[in-house]
Amino acid sequence: MKLVLASNNAGKLAELQAMFEPLGLELVRQSDLGIGEAEEPFCTFVENALAKARHAARASGLAAMADDAGLCVHAFGGLPGVDTAFYATQFGYAKSDANNVRALLEQMREIDDRRAALVSTLVAVRSPEDPEPLIAVGRAVGQITREPQGINGFGFDPVMFIPAFGKTFAELPVAVKNANSHRGQAARQMAALIRERWLA
């Protein structure tokens, strides 16, 4: 079964492909099919992921899967949330992972409540009109450090301290991080849902 991934991120494709290969699913990036990116006008991860999945399914005629992910900081009422990728631009910085980390640490300089969660929401649809989309959510809960630690990973990994490991995601071996990350959790849930609902 072929499944369109509503993402142009090669790293994300490789990570998810490894998870879904045992199910006999072949993931293909929407850009490889000439499909452009969908609008993401919503304020929740699930709505944006659903919009992206429906868009890819409509344009390809195939089943599709999309994810929307971000950082939810407790002291900021769950923000930046769906705007995580563009967080630094709110403060005059260019869009980049390093600038996102820099802006976050600056905004949290005087804040003692460092609780945060990295959230990944995966949505899969059999068709654009699928009335029963599959939805899987992964959450990695931790605390924002006061300075970056570690060299592995990307995004907010260097400042996302995971109490269960006593390290940031960027200090963990990649295999351990992927097994416990928000995206890893969501992907395992989604694989189980596809096996149960679509392949049984």
Foldseek 3Di string as FASTA:
>chain_A
DEAEELDPDPVLQVLLCVLQVVVVYHYDYLVVVVQDHFDQPDQAFVVSQLRSQLSSQAVPVFKYKYKAKAKFWVVVVGPPHNCQQVQLVVVPDDRFLVSSLVVVLVVCVPPPRFKMKIKMWMWIAGHSVRPDIDIFMFIQIAGFANDFDAQDDTRSQRGGQRVVVRHGLRNDDPVVSCCRHGSNRRSNSVSVCCCVPPVD
